[in-house]
Amino acid sequence: MSPEERDELAAEYVLGTLEAREAEAARALMARDAAFARLVAAWEERLSPLLALAPPEAPPPGLWARIEATLDGAKPARSGWRFAWPAFGLGAGAVAAGLAAFIILRPPAPAPLMTVLLTSQDQSAFLVEAERGEIRLAAVNPRGVEAGRVMQLWALPQGATAPTSLGLVPESGRLSVTPRGIRPEPGMLIEITLEPPGGSPTGRPTGPILFIGRLAAARSS
């Protein structure tokens, strides 16, 4: 799992929104992964003020027995949130508030942006992806550069008067950068120019544009 997925799993475990098998897997991960256990503890501390939103209330007598009867004797998973209900009385209002807080704290990530950089003959050369402020470049049709020259990647946001350098394109044709001062957005122009060794000496493109494209939201499949 990525760090973001691990953090999300820890939060959902604390909120008790995981299904029984997922919660069991999370508990097993906590037992063998101290870093994940610390994530869970951090989310418990972060969301513990929600417990004050509902007064303590013990579950009705015989509740667990009735639940077990409906599950044909299967023992229900009683703990998602590690604070037990009888002890802390996490009521429906607190659960709802917890879910709302979780949604607010972790809003859905915006759709990634993409473009294909084309030559002047509309031949594809590079794929550009932008997500969470990061811009990634990958060659789809590797091309050589004349001796003594280099390729330099630029971004031009809409409304800007001059492009911002994103760095030199390595021979591998792959580059990942999180630019300062600008953020990827739909309509942003991405281009590659031909420059002298070391890149443009002026901070602005000095050579011809080799490849160009404009970022747009990626369509979901």
N, C-alpha and C. Protein backbone atom coordinates (compact mmCIF):
# COMPACT_ATOMS: atom_id res chain seq x y z
N MET A 1 0.83 -1.19 0.00
CA MET A 1 0.00 0.00 0.00
C MET A 1 0.87 1.25 0.00
N SER A 2 0.36 2.29 -0.61
CA SER A 2 1.05 3.57 -0.58
C SER A 2 0.85 4.20 0.80
N PRO A 3 1.67 5.20 1.16
CA PRO A 3 1.47 5.88 2.46
C PRO A 3 0.07 6.45 2.60
N GLU A 4 -0.49 6.97 1.50
CA GLU A 4 -1.85 7.53 1.57
C GLU A 4 -2.88 6.44 1.86
N GLU A 5 -2.71 5.26 1.23
CA GLU A 5 -3.65 4.17 1.45
C GLU A 5 -3.55 3.63 2.87
N ARG A 6 -2.33 3.57 3.41
CA ARG A 6 -2.15 3.10 4.79
C ARG A 6 -2.83 4.07 5.76
N ASP A 7 -2.66 5.37 5.51
CA ASP A 7 -3.26 6.37 6.38
C ASP A 7 -4.78 6.30 6.30
N GLU A 8 -5.32 6.10 5.10
CA GLU A 8 -6.77 5.99 4.94
C GLU A 8 -7.31 4.74 5.64
N LEU A 9 -6.57 3.63 5.53
CA LEU A 9 -7.00 2.40 6.21
C LEU A 9 -7.03 2.60 7.72
N ALA A 10 -6.01 3.26 8.26
CA ALA A 10 -5.97 3.51 9.70
C ALA A 10 -7.17 4.35 10.13
N ALA A 11 -7.48 5.38 9.35
CA ALA A 11 -8.61 6.25 9.69
C ALA A 11 -9.92 5.50 9.64
N GLU A 12 -10.12 4.69 8.62
CA GLU A 12 -11.37 3.94 8.49
C GLU A 12 -11.49 2.89 9.59
N TYR A 13 -10.36 2.32 10.01
CA TYR A 13 -10.41 1.36 11.11
C TYR A 13 -10.87 2.04 12.39
N VAL A 14 -10.30 3.22 12.66
CA VAL A 14 -10.67 3.95 13.88
C VAL A 14 -12.13 4.35 13.85
N LEU A 15 -12.63 4.75 12.68
CA LEU A 15 -14.02 5.16 12.55
C LEU A 15 -14.99 3.97 12.60
N GLY A 16 -14.46 2.77 12.38
CA GLY A 16 -15.31 1.59 12.40
C GLY A 16 -16.11 1.41 11.12
N THR A 17 -15.63 1.94 10.01
CA THR A 17 -16.36 1.82 8.75
C THR A 17 -15.92 0.62 7.92
N LEU A 18 -14.90 -0.11 8.37
CA LEU A 18 -14.44 -1.28 7.64
C LEU A 18 -15.39 -2.46 7.85
N GLU A 19 -15.47 -3.33 6.85
CA GLU A 19 -16.20 -4.58 7.02
C GLU A 19 -15.39 -5.50 7.92
N ALA A 20 -16.03 -6.56 8.39
CA ALA A 20 -15.39 -7.43 9.40
C ALA A 20 -14.04 -7.96 8.93
N ARG A 21 -13.98 -8.46 7.69
CA ARG A 21 -12.71 -9.02 7.21
C ARG A 21 -11.64 -7.94 7.07
N GLU A 22 -12.05 -6.75 6.63
CA GLU A 22 -11.08 -5.67 6.48
C GLU A 22 -10.57 -5.23 7.85
N ALA A 23 -11.48 -5.17 8.84
CA ALA A 23 -11.07 -4.79 10.19
C ALA A 23 -10.12 -5.82 10.78
N GLU A 24 -10.38 -7.09 10.53
CA GLU A 24 -9.51 -8.16 11.03
C GLU A 24 -8.13 -8.05 10.38
N ALA A 25 -8.10 -7.76 9.09
CA ALA A 25 -6.82 -7.60 8.39
C ALA A 25 -6.06 -6.40 8.94
N ALA A 26 -6.79 -5.32 9.27
CA ALA A 26 -6.14 -4.14 9.84
C ALA A 26 -5.56 -4.45 11.21
N ARG A 27 -6.28 -5.23 12.03
CA ARG A 27 -5.75 -5.61 13.34
C ARG A 27 -4.51 -6.47 13.20
N ALA A 28 -4.52 -7.37 12.22
CA ALA A 28 -3.35 -8.21 11.99
C ALA A 28 -2.16 -7.37 11.54
N LEU A 29 -2.44 -6.36 10.72
CA LEU A 29 -1.36 -5.47 10.28
C LEU A 29 -0.80 -4.68 11.44
N MET A 30 -1.67 -4.25 12.35
CA MET A 30 -1.20 -3.52 13.53
C MET A 30 -0.28 -4.38 14.38
N ALA A 31 -0.57 -5.66 14.47
CA ALA A 31 0.20 -6.55 15.33
C ALA A 31 1.61 -6.76 14.82
N ARG A 32 1.78 -6.66 13.50
CA ARG A 32 3.11 -6.93 12.94
C ARG A 32 3.80 -5.69 12.39
N ASP A 33 3.09 -4.58 12.36
CA ASP A 33 3.64 -3.36 11.76
C ASP A 33 3.49 -2.21 12.75
N ALA A 34 4.57 -1.90 13.46
CA ALA A 34 4.51 -0.86 14.49
C ALA A 34 4.19 0.51 13.90
N ALA A 35 4.66 0.77 12.69
CA ALA A 35 4.39 2.07 12.07
C ALA A 35 2.89 2.24 11.80
N PHE A 36 2.25 1.15 11.34
CA PHE A 36 0.81 1.22 11.09
C PHE A 36 0.05 1.37 12.41
N ALA A 37 0.51 0.69 13.45
CA ALA A 37 -0.13 0.81 14.76
C ALA A 37 -0.05 2.25 15.26
N ARG A 38 1.05 2.92 14.96
CA ARG A 38 1.17 4.33 15.36
C ARG A 38 0.21 5.20 14.56
N LEU A 39 -0.01 4.86 13.30
CA LEU A 39 -0.99 5.60 12.50
C LEU A 39 -2.38 5.49 13.12
N VAL A 40 -2.74 4.28 13.53
CA VAL A 40 -4.04 4.05 14.15
C VAL A 40 -4.15 4.86 15.45
N ALA A 41 -3.10 4.81 16.25
CA ALA A 41 -3.12 5.55 17.51
C ALA A 41 -3.25 7.06 17.26
N ALA A 42 -2.60 7.54 16.20
CA ALA A 42 -2.68 8.97 15.88
C ALA A 42 -4.09 9.36 15.46
N TRP A 43 -4.75 8.47 14.70
CA TRP A 43 -6.13 8.78 14.29
C TRP A 43 -7.08 8.69 15.48
N GLU A 44 -6.82 7.76 16.41
CA GLU A 44 -7.65 7.68 17.61
C GLU A 44 -7.56 8.99 18.41
N GLU A 45 -6.33 9.50 18.54
CA GLU A 45 -6.14 10.74 19.28
C GLU A 45 -6.79 11.91 18.53
N ARG A 46 -6.67 11.87 17.21
CA ARG A 46 -7.21 12.97 16.39
C ARG A 46 -8.73 13.03 16.44
N LEU A 47 -9.38 11.86 16.49
CA LEU A 47 -10.83 11.82 16.45
C LEU A 47 -11.47 11.63 17.82
N SER A 48 -10.67 11.49 18.86
CA SER A 48 -11.23 11.24 20.19
C SER A 48 -12.17 12.34 20.67
N PRO A 49 -11.99 13.62 20.27
CA PRO A 49 -12.96 14.64 20.71
C PRO A 49 -14.38 14.35 20.26
N LEU A 50 -14.56 13.52 19.24
CA LEU A 50 -15.90 13.19 18.78
C LEU A 50 -16.69 12.41 19.82
N LEU A 51 -15.96 11.76 20.73
CA LEU A 51 -16.65 10.98 21.76
C LEU A 51 -17.49 11.86 22.67
N ALA A 52 -17.11 13.14 22.76
CA ALA A 52 -17.86 14.04 23.63
C ALA A 52 -19.16 14.51 23.00
N LEU A 53 -19.38 14.18 21.73
CA LEU A 53 -20.58 14.65 21.06
C LEU A 53 -21.82 13.83 21.43
N ALA A 54 -21.63 12.69 22.04
CA ALA A 54 -22.78 11.86 22.42
C ALA A 54 -22.63 11.45 23.88
N PRO A 55 -23.70 11.46 24.64
CA PRO A 55 -23.62 11.07 26.05
C PRO A 55 -23.35 9.57 26.16
N PRO A 56 -22.68 9.14 27.23
CA PRO A 56 -22.44 7.71 27.43
C PRO A 56 -23.75 6.94 27.45
N GLU A 57 -23.75 5.82 26.77
CA GLU A 57 -24.95 5.00 26.73
C GLU A 57 -24.56 3.54 26.53
N ALA A 58 -25.00 2.71 27.42
CA ALA A 58 -24.70 1.28 27.30
C ALA A 58 -25.63 0.65 26.27
N PRO A 59 -25.17 -0.36 25.55
CA PRO A 59 -26.05 -1.03 24.59
C PRO A 59 -27.19 -1.73 25.31
N PRO A 60 -28.35 -1.89 24.66
CA PRO A 60 -29.48 -2.56 25.29
C PRO A 60 -29.11 -3.97 25.72
N PRO A 61 -29.70 -4.44 26.83
CA PRO A 61 -29.42 -5.81 27.30
C PRO A 61 -29.74 -6.84 26.21
N GLY A 62 -28.84 -7.79 26.06
CA GLY A 62 -29.08 -8.85 25.10
C GLY A 62 -28.83 -8.49 23.65
N LEU A 63 -28.27 -7.29 23.39
CA LEU A 63 -28.07 -6.87 22.00
C LEU A 63 -27.14 -7.81 21.27
N TRP A 64 -25.97 -8.09 21.89
CA TRP A 64 -25.01 -8.95 21.20
C TRP A 64 -25.57 -10.36 21.00
N ALA A 65 -26.35 -10.83 21.95
CA ALA A 65 -26.94 -12.16 21.79
C ALA A 65 -27.87 -12.20 20.59
N ARG A 66 -28.66 -11.14 20.40
CA ARG A 66 -29.57 -11.10 19.25
C ARG A 66 -28.80 -11.00 17.93
N ILE A 67 -27.72 -10.23 17.96
CA ILE A 67 -26.91 -10.12 16.74
C ILE A 67 -26.30 -11.47 16.39
N GLU A 68 -25.77 -12.16 17.41
CA GLU A 68 -25.16 -13.46 17.17
C GLU A 68 -26.19 -14.45 16.65
N ALA A 69 -27.41 -14.35 17.14
CA ALA A 69 -28.45 -15.27 16.68
C ALA A 69 -28.77 -15.04 15.21
N THR A 70 -28.77 -13.78 14.78
CA THR A 70 -29.06 -13.49 13.36
C THR A 70 -27.92 -13.90 12.45
N LEU A 71 -26.72 -14.08 13.04
CA LEU A 71 -25.57 -14.49 12.23
C LEU A 71 -25.31 -15.98 12.32
N ASP A 72 -26.30 -16.73 12.75
CA ASP A 72 -26.19 -18.19 12.85
C ASP A 72 -25.00 -18.60 13.71
N GLY A 73 -24.83 -17.91 14.82
CA GLY A 73 -23.79 -18.31 15.76
C GLY A 73 -22.44 -17.70 15.48
N ALA A 74 -22.29 -17.00 14.35
CA ALA A 74 -20.99 -16.39 14.06
C ALA A 74 -20.75 -15.25 15.01
N LYS A 75 -19.54 -15.15 15.49
CA LYS A 75 -19.21 -14.09 16.44
C LYS A 75 -18.98 -12.79 15.70
N PRO A 76 -19.77 -11.77 15.97
CA PRO A 76 -19.61 -10.51 15.25
C PRO A 76 -18.34 -9.78 15.68
N ALA A 77 -17.80 -9.02 14.73
CA ALA A 77 -16.63 -8.18 15.06
C ALA A 77 -17.13 -6.98 15.85
N ARG A 78 -16.74 -6.90 17.12
CA ARG A 78 -17.27 -5.85 17.98
C ARG A 78 -16.38 -4.60 17.99
N SER A 79 -15.20 -4.71 17.44
CA SER A 79 -14.32 -3.55 17.57
C SER A 79 -13.82 -3.10 16.22
N GLY A 80 -14.21 -1.91 15.87
CA GLY A 80 -13.60 -1.21 14.75
C GLY A 80 -12.82 -0.11 15.42
N TRP A 81 -13.53 0.79 16.04
CA TRP A 81 -12.92 1.76 16.94
C TRP A 81 -12.47 1.00 18.18
N ARG A 82 -11.25 1.15 18.57
CA ARG A 82 -10.71 0.34 19.66
C ARG A 82 -11.24 0.77 21.01
N PHE A 83 -11.89 1.93 21.10
CA PHE A 83 -12.56 2.29 22.35
C PHE A 83 -13.88 1.54 22.39
N ALA A 84 -14.06 0.67 23.37
CA ALA A 84 -15.26 -0.17 23.43
C ALA A 84 -16.50 0.69 23.66
N TRP A 85 -17.61 0.30 23.04
CA TRP A 85 -18.88 1.02 23.14
C TRP A 85 -19.38 1.09 24.59
N PRO A 86 -19.39 -0.06 25.34
CA PRO A 86 -19.90 0.03 26.72
C PRO A 86 -19.11 1.03 27.56
N ALA A 87 -17.82 1.18 27.29
CA ALA A 87 -17.01 2.04 28.15
C ALA A 87 -17.14 3.50 27.76
N PHE A 88 -17.28 3.76 26.46
CA PHE A 88 -17.24 5.15 26.02
C PHE A 88 -18.55 5.61 25.38
N GLY A 89 -19.45 4.69 25.07
CA GLY A 89 -20.73 5.10 24.55
C GLY A 89 -20.65 5.87 23.26
N LEU A 90 -19.96 5.35 22.27
CA LEU A 90 -19.88 6.02 20.98
C LEU A 90 -21.20 5.82 20.27
N GLY A 91 -22.08 6.81 20.33
CA GLY A 91 -23.42 6.71 19.76
C GLY A 91 -23.45 7.01 18.29
N ALA A 92 -24.66 6.89 17.72
CA ALA A 92 -24.83 7.10 16.29
C ALA A 92 -24.46 8.52 15.90
N GLY A 93 -24.75 9.48 16.76
CA GLY A 93 -24.42 10.87 16.44
C GLY A 93 -22.93 11.07 16.31
N ALA A 94 -22.16 10.45 17.18
CA ALA A 94 -20.70 10.59 17.11
C ALA A 94 -20.16 9.89 15.88
N VAL A 95 -20.73 8.75 15.53
CA VAL A 95 -20.29 8.04 14.32
C VAL A 95 -20.53 8.90 13.10
N ALA A 96 -21.73 9.49 13.01
CA ALA A 96 -22.05 10.34 11.87
C ALA A 96 -21.11 11.54 11.83
N ALA A 97 -20.86 12.13 12.99
CA ALA A 97 -19.95 13.27 13.03
C ALA A 97 -18.54 12.84 12.63
N GLY A 98 -18.15 11.65 13.04
CA GLY A 98 -16.83 11.15 12.68
C GLY A 98 -16.69 10.96 11.19
N LEU A 99 -17.74 10.41 10.57
CA LEU A 99 -17.70 10.23 9.13
C LEU A 99 -17.64 11.57 8.43
N ALA A 100 -18.40 12.53 8.91
CA ALA A 100 -18.37 13.85 8.29
C ALA A 100 -16.99 14.48 8.44
N ALA A 101 -16.40 14.32 9.63
CA ALA A 101 -15.07 14.88 9.84
C ALA A 101 -14.06 14.21 8.92
N PHE A 102 -14.21 12.91 8.73
CA PHE A 102 -13.29 12.18 7.87
C PHE A 102 -13.38 12.67 6.44
N ILE A 103 -14.62 12.92 5.98
CA ILE A 103 -14.81 13.40 4.61
C ILE A 103 -14.21 14.79 4.46
N ILE A 104 -14.39 15.63 5.49
CA ILE A 104 -13.85 16.98 5.41
C ILE A 104 -12.33 16.96 5.45
N LEU A 105 -11.77 16.11 6.31
CA LEU A 105 -10.33 16.05 6.45
C LEU A 105 -9.66 15.45 5.22
N ARG A 106 -10.35 14.54 4.55
CA ARG A 106 -9.77 13.87 3.39
C ARG A 106 -10.72 14.01 2.20
N PRO A 107 -10.79 15.18 1.61
CA PRO A 107 -11.68 15.36 0.46
C PRO A 107 -11.19 14.54 -0.72
N PRO A 108 -12.11 14.19 -1.63
CA PRO A 108 -11.70 13.40 -2.80
C PRO A 108 -10.63 14.13 -3.60
N ALA A 109 -9.65 13.37 -4.02
CA ALA A 109 -8.57 13.97 -4.81
C ALA A 109 -9.11 14.38 -6.18
N PRO A 110 -8.68 15.53 -6.69
CA PRO A 110 -9.13 15.93 -8.02
C PRO A 110 -8.63 14.97 -9.08
N ALA A 111 -9.33 14.93 -10.19
CA ALA A 111 -8.94 14.04 -11.29
C ALA A 111 -7.56 14.44 -11.80
N PRO A 112 -6.71 13.47 -12.15
CA PRO A 112 -5.39 13.81 -12.69
C PRO A 112 -5.52 14.51 -14.04
N LEU A 113 -4.51 15.29 -14.36
CA LEU A 113 -4.47 15.99 -15.63
C LEU A 113 -3.47 15.28 -16.55
N MET A 114 -3.72 15.33 -17.84
CA MET A 114 -2.85 14.64 -18.78
C MET A 114 -2.77 15.41 -20.09
N THR A 115 -1.71 15.17 -20.83
CA THR A 115 -1.60 15.64 -22.20
C THR A 115 -0.53 14.83 -22.91
N VAL A 116 -0.59 14.81 -24.22
CA VAL A 116 0.44 14.20 -25.05
C VAL A 116 1.15 15.32 -25.78
N LEU A 117 2.47 15.40 -25.61
CA LEU A 117 3.23 16.42 -26.31
C LEU A 117 3.47 15.97 -27.74
N LEU A 118 3.12 16.84 -28.67
CA LEU A 118 3.18 16.52 -30.09
C LEU A 118 4.26 17.33 -30.79
N THR A 119 4.74 16.80 -31.90
CA THR A 119 5.65 17.55 -32.76
C THR A 119 4.82 18.49 -33.63
N SER A 120 5.49 19.29 -34.41
CA SER A 120 4.78 20.19 -35.32
C SER A 120 4.02 19.41 -36.38
N GLN A 121 4.36 18.13 -36.56
CA GLN A 121 3.63 17.26 -37.50
C GLN A 121 2.58 16.43 -36.78
N ASP A 122 2.26 16.82 -35.54
CA ASP A 122 1.25 16.13 -34.73
C ASP A 122 1.61 14.68 -34.44
N GLN A 123 2.89 14.41 -34.31
CA GLN A 123 3.34 13.08 -33.92
C GLN A 123 3.55 13.07 -32.41
N SER A 124 3.04 12.04 -31.74
CA SER A 124 3.17 11.96 -30.28
C SER A 124 4.62 11.66 -29.91
N ALA A 125 5.07 12.31 -28.82
CA ALA A 125 6.45 12.13 -28.39
C ALA A 125 6.56 11.85 -26.89
N PHE A 126 5.79 12.58 -26.07
CA PHE A 126 5.86 12.43 -24.62
C PHE A 126 4.46 12.42 -24.02
N LEU A 127 4.32 11.68 -22.94
CA LEU A 127 3.10 11.71 -22.15
C LEU A 127 3.38 12.50 -20.88
N VAL A 128 2.49 13.43 -20.56
CA VAL A 128 2.62 14.24 -19.35
C VAL A 128 1.42 13.96 -18.45
N GLU A 129 1.69 13.67 -17.18
CA GLU A 129 0.64 13.48 -16.18
C GLU A 129 0.90 14.44 -15.03
N ALA A 130 -0.16 15.03 -14.52
CA ALA A 130 -0.04 15.96 -13.40
C ALA A 130 -1.07 15.59 -12.35
N GLU A 131 -0.59 15.42 -11.11
CA GLU A 131 -1.49 15.03 -10.02
C GLU A 131 -0.90 15.48 -8.70
N ARG A 132 -1.74 16.12 -7.87
CA ARG A 132 -1.33 16.58 -6.54
C ARG A 132 -0.10 17.47 -6.60
N GLY A 133 -0.04 18.31 -7.61
CA GLY A 133 1.05 19.26 -7.73
C GLY A 133 2.27 18.73 -8.43
N GLU A 134 2.34 17.42 -8.66
CA GLU A 134 3.50 16.81 -9.30
C GLU A 134 3.25 16.67 -10.80
N ILE A 135 4.28 16.94 -11.60
CA ILE A 135 4.21 16.77 -13.04
C ILE A 135 5.20 15.68 -13.44
N ARG A 136 4.70 14.68 -14.17
CA ARG A 136 5.53 13.55 -14.58
C ARG A 136 5.58 13.49 -16.11
N LEU A 137 6.78 13.31 -16.63
CA LEU A 137 7.01 13.24 -18.07
C LEU A 137 7.56 11.87 -18.42
N ALA A 138 7.06 11.27 -19.48
CA ALA A 138 7.55 9.97 -19.93
C ALA A 138 7.53 9.94 -21.46
N ALA A 139 8.65 9.53 -22.06
CA ALA A 139 8.74 9.46 -23.51
C ALA A 139 7.93 8.27 -24.01
N VAL A 140 7.10 8.50 -25.01
CA VAL A 140 6.36 7.41 -25.64
C VAL A 140 6.92 7.10 -27.03
N ASN A 141 7.74 7.99 -27.52
CA ASN A 141 8.39 7.80 -28.81
C ASN A 141 9.77 8.44 -28.71
N PRO A 142 10.73 7.72 -28.05
CA PRO A 142 12.04 8.32 -27.76
C PRO A 142 12.69 8.92 -29.00
N ARG A 143 13.28 10.09 -28.82
CA ARG A 143 13.95 10.79 -29.91
C ARG A 143 15.29 11.31 -29.42
N GLY A 144 16.26 11.29 -30.29
CA GLY A 144 17.57 11.80 -29.96
C GLY A 144 17.62 13.31 -30.09
N VAL A 145 18.66 13.88 -29.54
CA VAL A 145 18.88 15.32 -29.61
C VAL A 145 20.22 15.56 -30.29
N GLU A 146 20.27 16.59 -31.12
CA GLU A 146 21.51 16.86 -31.81
C GLU A 146 22.64 17.14 -30.83
N ALA A 147 23.85 16.81 -31.22
CA ALA A 147 25.01 16.95 -30.35
C ALA A 147 25.16 18.39 -29.86
N GLY A 148 25.47 18.52 -28.58
CA GLY A 148 25.70 19.82 -28.01
C GLY A 148 24.44 20.59 -27.64
N ARG A 149 23.28 19.93 -27.68
CA ARG A 149 22.03 20.57 -27.30
C ARG A 149 21.30 19.69 -26.29
N VAL A 150 20.38 20.28 -25.56
CA VAL A 150 19.58 19.54 -24.57
C VAL A 150 18.12 19.94 -24.73
N MET A 151 17.23 19.12 -24.20
CA MET A 151 15.81 19.44 -24.18
C MET A 151 15.44 19.97 -22.81
N GLN A 152 14.63 21.00 -22.77
CA GLN A 152 14.20 21.61 -21.51
C GLN A 152 12.68 21.67 -21.48
N LEU A 153 12.12 21.29 -20.32
CA LEU A 153 10.68 21.23 -20.14
C LEU A 153 10.18 22.53 -19.51
N TRP A 154 9.04 23.04 -20.02
CA TRP A 154 8.48 24.30 -19.55
C TRP A 154 6.99 24.16 -19.29
N ALA A 155 6.47 25.00 -18.38
CA ALA A 155 5.04 25.06 -18.12
C ALA A 155 4.59 26.52 -18.20
N LEU A 156 3.46 26.73 -18.88
CA LEU A 156 2.93 28.07 -19.03
C LEU A 156 1.46 28.07 -18.59
N PRO A 157 1.19 28.50 -17.34
CA PRO A 157 -0.21 28.57 -16.88
C PRO A 157 -0.99 29.59 -17.70
N GLN A 158 -2.30 29.40 -17.76
CA GLN A 158 -3.13 30.35 -18.48
C GLN A 158 -3.05 31.72 -17.80
N GLY A 159 -2.87 32.74 -18.60
CA GLY A 159 -2.76 34.09 -18.07
C GLY A 159 -1.35 34.51 -17.74
N ALA A 160 -0.40 33.56 -17.71
CA ALA A 160 0.99 33.90 -17.41
C ALA A 160 1.64 34.52 -18.65
N THR A 161 2.60 35.39 -18.42
CA THR A 161 3.28 36.06 -19.52
C THR A 161 4.54 35.36 -19.97
N ALA A 162 5.06 34.44 -19.14
CA ALA A 162 6.28 33.72 -19.49
C ALA A 162 6.23 32.33 -18.87
N PRO A 163 6.82 31.35 -19.56
CA PRO A 163 6.81 29.98 -19.02
C PRO A 163 7.80 29.82 -17.88
N THR A 164 7.57 28.79 -17.09
CA THR A 164 8.45 28.42 -15.98
C THR A 164 9.18 27.13 -16.32
N SER A 165 10.48 27.12 -16.11
CA SER A 165 11.26 25.92 -16.40
C SER A 165 10.96 24.82 -15.39
N LEU A 166 10.77 23.61 -15.90
CA LEU A 166 10.56 22.44 -15.05
C LEU A 166 11.80 21.55 -15.02
N GLY A 167 12.85 21.95 -15.71
CA GLY A 167 14.08 21.18 -15.69
C GLY A 167 14.44 20.62 -17.04
N LEU A 168 15.64 20.05 -17.10
CA LEU A 168 16.13 19.43 -18.32
C LEU A 168 15.58 18.02 -18.43
N VAL A 169 15.30 17.61 -19.65
CA VAL A 169 14.78 16.26 -19.89
C VAL A 169 15.97 15.30 -19.99
N PRO A 170 16.06 14.31 -19.10
CA PRO A 170 17.19 13.37 -19.15
C PRO A 170 17.11 12.47 -20.37
N GLU A 171 18.20 11.77 -20.64
CA GLU A 171 18.25 10.89 -21.81
C GLU A 171 17.18 9.79 -21.73
N SER A 172 16.81 9.41 -20.52
CA SER A 172 15.78 8.37 -20.35
C SER A 172 14.42 8.85 -20.82
N GLY A 173 14.25 10.16 -20.93
CA GLY A 173 12.96 10.70 -21.33
C GLY A 173 11.95 10.73 -20.20
N ARG A 174 12.39 10.46 -18.98
CA ARG A 174 11.49 10.44 -17.83
C ARG A 174 11.91 11.51 -16.83
N LEU A 175 10.91 12.22 -16.32
CA LEU A 175 11.18 13.30 -15.38
C LEU A 175 9.98 13.47 -14.47
N SER A 176 10.24 13.71 -13.19
CA SER A 176 9.18 13.96 -12.22
C SER A 176 9.58 15.18 -11.41
N VAL A 177 8.69 16.16 -11.35
CA VAL A 177 9.02 17.41 -10.67
C VAL A 177 7.77 18.02 -10.04
N THR A 178 7.95 18.64 -8.88
CA THR A 178 6.88 19.41 -8.23
C THR A 178 7.30 20.86 -8.27
N PRO A 179 6.82 21.62 -9.23
CA PRO A 179 7.29 23.00 -9.41
C PRO A 179 6.85 23.92 -8.28
N ARG A 180 7.66 24.91 -8.01
CA ARG A 180 7.33 25.92 -7.02
C ARG A 180 6.71 27.13 -7.72
N GLY A 181 5.74 27.71 -7.08
CA GLY A 181 5.16 28.94 -7.60
C GLY A 181 4.03 28.74 -8.59
N ILE A 182 3.89 27.54 -9.14
CA ILE A 182 2.78 27.25 -10.05
C ILE A 182 2.19 25.90 -9.68
N ARG A 183 0.95 25.71 -10.05
CA ARG A 183 0.28 24.45 -9.78
C ARG A 183 -0.39 23.97 -11.05
N PRO A 184 -0.23 22.69 -11.39
CA PRO A 184 -0.86 22.18 -12.61
C PRO A 184 -2.36 22.43 -12.61
N GLU A 185 -2.88 22.86 -13.74
CA GLU A 185 -4.30 23.16 -13.87
C GLU A 185 -4.73 22.92 -15.32
N PRO A 186 -6.02 22.65 -15.53
CA PRO A 186 -6.49 22.47 -16.90
C PRO A 186 -6.16 23.69 -17.76
N GLY A 187 -5.71 23.44 -18.97
CA GLY A 187 -5.36 24.52 -19.87
C GLY A 187 -3.91 24.94 -19.80
N MET A 188 -3.16 24.45 -18.82
CA MET A 188 -1.75 24.81 -18.72
C MET A 188 -0.98 24.24 -19.92
N LEU A 189 -0.16 25.08 -20.53
CA LEU A 189 0.62 24.67 -21.68
C LEU A 189 1.92 24.03 -21.21
N ILE A 190 2.24 22.87 -21.76
CA ILE A 190 3.50 22.18 -21.47
C ILE A 190 4.28 22.08 -22.78
N GLU A 191 5.55 22.46 -22.75
CA GLU A 191 6.35 22.42 -23.97
C GLU A 191 7.78 22.02 -23.67
N ILE A 192 8.44 21.53 -24.71
CA ILE A 192 9.85 21.18 -24.63
C ILE A 192 10.58 21.94 -25.72
N THR A 193 11.63 22.63 -25.32
CA THR A 193 12.41 23.40 -26.29
C THR A 193 13.83 22.84 -26.39
N LEU A 194 14.50 23.22 -27.45
CA LEU A 194 15.89 22.82 -27.68
C LEU A 194 16.79 23.93 -27.17
N GLU A 195 17.67 23.60 -26.23
CA GLU A 195 18.49 24.61 -25.58
C GLU A 195 19.97 24.23 -25.58
N PRO A 196 20.84 25.19 -25.27
CA PRO A 196 22.27 24.88 -25.17
C PRO A 196 22.57 24.02 -23.95
N PRO A 197 23.76 23.44 -23.85
CA PRO A 197 24.12 22.61 -22.69
C PRO A 197 23.88 23.35 -21.38
N GLY A 198 23.25 22.65 -20.43
CA GLY A 198 22.94 23.25 -19.15
C GLY A 198 21.60 23.95 -19.12
N GLY A 199 20.95 24.08 -20.27
CA GLY A 199 19.65 24.72 -20.31
C GLY A 199 19.72 26.18 -20.70
N SER A 200 18.57 26.78 -20.80
CA SER A 200 18.49 28.18 -21.20
C SER A 200 19.29 29.07 -20.25
N PRO A 201 20.14 29.93 -20.79
CA PRO A 201 20.92 30.83 -19.93
C PRO A 201 20.13 32.04 -19.45
N THR A 202 18.94 32.24 -19.97
CA THR A 202 18.16 33.44 -19.63
C THR A 202 16.99 33.16 -18.70
N GLY A 203 16.68 31.87 -18.46
CA GLY A 203 15.50 31.54 -17.67
C GLY A 203 14.24 31.57 -18.50
N ARG A 204 14.36 31.79 -19.79
CA ARG A 204 13.26 31.78 -20.74
C ARG A 204 13.67 30.93 -21.94
N PRO A 205 12.74 30.35 -22.65
CA PRO A 205 13.10 29.54 -23.82
C PRO A 205 13.89 30.37 -24.84
N THR A 206 14.99 29.81 -25.32
CA THR A 206 15.79 30.48 -26.34
C THR A 206 15.82 29.72 -27.65
N GLY A 207 15.48 28.42 -27.60
CA GLY A 207 15.51 27.61 -28.80
C GLY A 207 14.12 27.31 -29.32
N PRO A 208 14.04 26.56 -30.40
CA PRO A 208 12.74 26.24 -31.00
C PRO A 208 11.95 25.27 -30.13
N ILE A 209 10.62 25.35 -30.24
CA ILE A 209 9.74 24.41 -29.54
C ILE A 209 9.73 23.10 -30.31
N LEU A 210 10.09 22.02 -29.61
CA LEU A 210 10.11 20.70 -30.24
C LEU A 210 8.78 19.98 -30.07
N PHE A 211 8.22 20.06 -28.85
CA PHE A 211 6.99 19.34 -28.53
C PHE A 211 6.11 20.24 -27.66
N ILE A 212 4.79 20.10 -27.82
CA ILE A 212 3.89 20.98 -27.09
C ILE A 212 2.56 20.29 -26.86
N GLY A 213 1.90 20.62 -25.76
CA GLY A 213 0.58 20.07 -25.44
C GLY A 213 -0.04 20.89 -24.34
N ARG A 214 -1.35 20.67 -24.09
CA ARG A 214 -2.07 21.45 -23.08
C ARG A 214 -2.76 20.47 -22.11
N LEU A 215 -2.57 20.68 -20.81
CA LEU A 215 -3.15 19.79 -19.81
C LEU A 215 -4.68 19.84 -19.83
N ALA A 216 -5.27 18.65 -19.65
CA ALA A 216 -6.73 18.55 -19.56
C ALA A 216 -7.04 17.43 -18.58
N ALA A 217 -8.23 17.48 -17.97
CA ALA A 217 -8.62 16.45 -17.01
C ALA A 217 -8.72 15.10 -17.70
N ALA A 218 -8.12 14.08 -17.06
CA ALA A 218 -8.17 12.74 -17.64
C ALA A 218 -9.57 12.18 -17.51
N ARG A 219 -10.02 11.53 -18.51
CA ARG A 219 -11.34 10.93 -18.48
C ARG A 219 -11.29 9.60 -17.74
N SER A 220 -12.27 9.36 -16.88
CA SER A 220 -12.34 8.08 -16.16
C SER A 220 -12.85 7.03 -17.11
N SER A 221 -12.36 5.82 -16.93
CA SER A 221 -12.77 4.72 -17.81
C SER A 221 -14.13 4.22 -17.46
